[in-house]
Amino acid sequence: MRYQIEGGSLPAVIIQLDAGETIISELGGRTWAKGTILTETKAPGGLGGGIGRMFSGENMFMSYYTAQGPAEIGFASSFAGSIIARELGPGESLICQKSAFLCASSGVELAVHFQ
């Protein structure tokens, strides 16, 4: 996976995928796509994880995008600001506001924290 962040105050991230690569995003988060991409809708963490997401005010389901060949997929920011890419290594975590999540590679585990 390769990506670039474009734009000024309303940015977008453009992701280049190779065949077999999968990324995840909020249900319906994709803005555009080029190439053949298989789109699946799943509840991360099974039914329990989906219900936890629902009670937190988020969508119960996530979209999984798998490239069937070379493909491009774009995500645009839903509010003015900036898009910041964070690379996480094994065992690393990041806490952010629920509206701040755009997309991630399929190996990232998403969890909801209630306080």
Protein backbone atom coordinates (compact mmCIF):
# COMPACT_ATOMS: atom_id res chain seq x y z
CA MET A 1 0.00 0.00 0.00
CA ARG A 2 1.20 3.47 -0.91
CA TYR A 3 -0.61 6.71 -0.15
CA GLN A 4 -0.42 10.45 -0.63
CA ILE A 5 -2.32 13.26 1.06
CA GLU A 6 -3.60 15.96 -1.32
CA GLY A 7 -5.42 19.25 -0.90
CA GLY A 8 -5.47 22.20 1.43
CA SER A 9 -8.14 22.79 4.08
CA LEU A 10 -10.37 19.97 2.73
CA PRO A 11 -7.78 17.24 2.09
CA ALA A 12 -8.08 13.75 0.65
CA VAL A 13 -5.88 10.70 0.94
CA ILE A 14 -5.26 8.69 -2.24
CA ILE A 15 -4.22 5.08 -1.67
CA GLN A 16 -2.62 2.80 -4.26
CA LEU A 17 -3.27 -0.89 -3.58
CA ASP A 18 -1.71 -3.99 -5.10
CA ALA A 19 -3.71 -7.15 -5.75
CA GLY A 20 -4.78 -8.81 -2.50
CA GLU A 21 -4.24 -5.79 -0.24
CA THR A 22 -7.15 -4.90 2.06
CA ILE A 23 -7.98 -1.68 3.91
CA ILE A 24 -10.85 -0.88 6.27
CA SER A 25 -12.92 2.25 6.86
CA GLU A 26 -16.17 3.40 8.38
CA LEU A 27 -19.12 2.03 6.44
CA GLY A 28 -19.43 4.07 3.26
CA GLY A 29 -16.26 6.05 4.00
CA ARG A 30 -14.78 5.71 0.51
CA THR A 31 -15.07 8.77 -1.71
CA TRP A 32 -13.91 7.22 -5.01
CA ALA A 33 -12.21 4.16 -6.44
CA LYS A 34 -10.46 3.11 -9.66
CA GLY A 35 -9.81 -0.49 -10.59
CA THR A 36 -11.49 -3.66 -9.39
CA ILE A 37 -12.09 -3.55 -5.64
CA LEU A 38 -14.14 -6.11 -3.70
CA THR A 39 -16.19 -4.29 -1.04
CA GLU A 40 -17.47 -6.22 1.99
CA THR A 41 -19.41 -5.00 5.01
CA LYS A 42 -18.61 -6.64 8.36
CA ALA A 43 -18.94 -5.98 12.07
CA PRO A 44 -15.35 -5.89 13.42
CA GLY A 45 -14.98 -8.09 16.49
CA GLY A 46 -18.12 -10.00 15.52
CA LEU A 47 -21.59 -9.14 16.75
CA GLY A 48 -20.34 -8.03 20.20
CA GLY A 49 -17.83 -5.60 18.69
CA GLY A 50 -20.48 -4.23 16.33
CA ILE A 51 -22.94 -3.68 19.17
CA GLY A 52 -20.22 -1.86 21.17
CA ARG A 53 -19.61 0.42 18.19
CA MET A 54 -23.35 1.04 17.86
CA PHE A 55 -23.71 2.06 21.54
CA SER A 56 -20.81 4.50 21.13
CA GLY A 57 -22.72 6.31 18.36
CA GLU A 58 -20.66 4.82 15.54
CA ASN A 59 -21.85 2.60 12.74
CA MET A 60 -22.07 -1.05 13.71
CA PHE A 61 -20.33 -2.10 10.49
CA MET A 62 -17.07 -1.35 8.70
CA SER A 63 -16.25 -1.52 4.99
CA TYR A 64 -13.42 -3.82 3.90
CA TYR A 65 -11.91 -2.98 0.50
CA THR A 66 -9.74 -5.65 -1.17
CA ALA A 67 -7.95 -4.86 -4.44
CA GLN A 68 -8.42 -7.55 -7.10
CA GLY A 69 -5.58 -6.02 -9.14
CA PRO A 70 -3.79 -2.67 -9.12
CA ALA A 71 -6.33 -0.18 -7.71
CA GLU A 72 -6.72 3.31 -6.31
CA ILE A 73 -9.11 4.33 -3.57
CA GLY A 74 -9.71 7.81 -2.17
CA PHE A 75 -11.01 9.11 1.13
CA ALA A 76 -11.86 12.79 1.59
CA SER A 77 -12.04 14.63 4.89
CA SER A 78 -15.59 15.34 6.05
CA PHE A 79 -14.57 18.58 7.76
CA ALA A 80 -11.99 21.33 7.31
CA GLY A 81 -8.59 20.57 8.79
CA SER A 82 -5.85 18.14 7.94
CA ILE A 83 -5.32 14.43 7.45
CA ILE A 84 -2.46 13.00 9.48
CA ALA A 85 -1.06 9.57 8.71
CA ARG A 86 0.13 7.48 11.66
CA GLU A 87 2.09 4.27 11.21
CA LEU A 88 1.59 1.81 14.05
CA GLY A 89 4.00 -0.99 14.82
CA PRO A 90 3.07 -4.27 16.54
CA GLY A 91 1.68 -3.56 20.01
CA GLU A 92 1.35 0.20 19.43
CA SER A 93 -1.98 1.96 19.84
CA LEU A 94 -3.53 5.34 19.13
CA ILE A 95 -6.53 6.99 20.75
CA CYS A 96 -8.52 9.46 18.65
CA GLN A 97 -11.98 10.97 18.45
CA LYS A 98 -14.45 8.77 16.62
CA SER A 99 -14.86 11.24 13.76
CA ALA A 100 -11.07 11.30 13.25
CA PHE A 101 -10.72 7.75 11.85
CA LEU A 102 -10.52 7.65 8.05
CA CYS A 103 -9.08 4.23 7.14
CA ALA A 104 -6.43 1.66 8.08
CA SER A 105 -4.74 -1.43 6.73
CA SER A 106 -6.61 -4.63 7.54
CA GLY A 107 -4.13 -5.63 10.27
CA VAL A 108 -5.19 -2.75 12.55
CA GLU A 109 -7.60 -3.74 15.31
CA LEU A 110 -10.25 -1.13 16.10
CA ALA A 111 -11.70 -0.88 19.60
CA VAL A 112 -14.18 1.41 21.31
CA HIS A 113 -13.34 2.80 24.75
CA PHE A 114 -16.08 4.05 27.05
CA GLN A 115 -15.26 6.43 29.88
